[in-house]
Amino acid sequence: MNDPLRIACVETRHFLLPLSHPMTDATHGVHTEFEVVAVRLESECGQSGIGYTYTIGRGGAAIRSLIQRDLQALLLGADAGRIEQIWERMWRCLHYVGRGGLAAFAMSAVDIALWDLLARSQGQPLWKLLGGYAGEAQAYAGGIDLQLGPDELVEQTRCNLADGFRAIKIKVGRDKLSEDIARLRAVRDCLGPDRPLMVDANMRWTTEQAIRAARSFREFDVFWLEEPTIPDDYAGLSRIAREGGLPIAAGENLRTIYEFRHTLEAGIAFAEPDVSNIGGITNWMRVARLAYAHNLPVTSHGVHELHLHLLAAIPNASFLEVHSFGLERFIKNPPLLHDGLMRAGAEPGHGVQFEWDKLREFEVKGD
């Protein structure tokens, strides 16, 4: 019998990173920076695992504090190989102040580190440890580009196609629907009739507004309409899916599998869990299996270097979002895109290796 993989050290770091350029969506406005909270776990025998989560610029210090002050004591001495047990202990520890929100972000970073540690200890890439279905995923370019007009979107699309993308997503939710229609028409004309084109409203609309927009978008053969309204409005999502005439993707703002159950039952076409905020890999895989039971595909949101392994592991994978909040400047081995596909690596764990020296100037020191 193998010895327990006892956790001997928990290290948490917080970074505030500048974006390459300002980016805009319909709910959060202009983005100029984002946060990363990273967790490093080390076992008694010297093996380590890295996990992380991100924010859009607020809340990172609170997430770091939750890990350091409330989860660290729970983790020290625990057997890192018993991930389901640790997940439930974290959930119960933070349940009263959490059931989502900052607690889910903190749990995500720790859970990802646990899976990385376990995969490294077994000498397996994460995608194989989790199921090993395909080893690769179709990727799309996820723009945060509501500020861009038709001509600028066309130029962005041409650059993305030249970089190897074969599917594109743009933001919608302008004050005037006619502007969204003009922007969408320009991108569809640039892409041609056969390449997938997604749109993301970032919860911008009421149910009635979303139905009207969806009907207006149908002529552009939209692959999915993402987050047309608030995630809590299951009845509204059901109406939009039924009356709007477009497939709906949703889930980046859901934090529990129970919320996903309601959303899937409402009639969405694509489940979209985010491993960085749903409680980590453990809960992400639960959602993937729930979607499988509903005969539905799973897509992703953000942290594509991690989601690549998850989508590569499961049989019901849809597109991998390559997010504009990328970490390529700060990791040694970003995944490569070739003709619309990204292939997961063969190195043990999730394979993400941070360039700590490059990150140091952006570190936010705790108290």
Foldseek 3Di string as FASTA:
>chain_A
DDDFQFWADKDKFKFKAFFPDWFAAQPPGIAGIKMKIKIWTAGPVGFIFIFIFMGSGDDRQVLRCCCVPQVVVVRGGDRLVPLVVSLVVLCVSCVVVDPFDSSLLSLLRVSQGSLLRVLVVVFWESLVVLAQAAQKFFAEEEGRHQVDAQVVLLVVLVVRVVQQAQEYEDEDQPPDLVRVLRNLVSNLVSNDQPGAYAYERPQRDFLVVLLVSLQSCVVSVHQEYENPHDLVPLLSLLCSQVRSVGAYEYECRDQALVSLVSNVVSPHQEYEYESSTNSHDVRVVVNCVVCVVVVHAYEYDDPLLQVRSVLSNDDRHHYYYPYSNDCVVFWDQRFGHHNRMTGQDGGGGSPTHTNVVVRVVRIDDDD
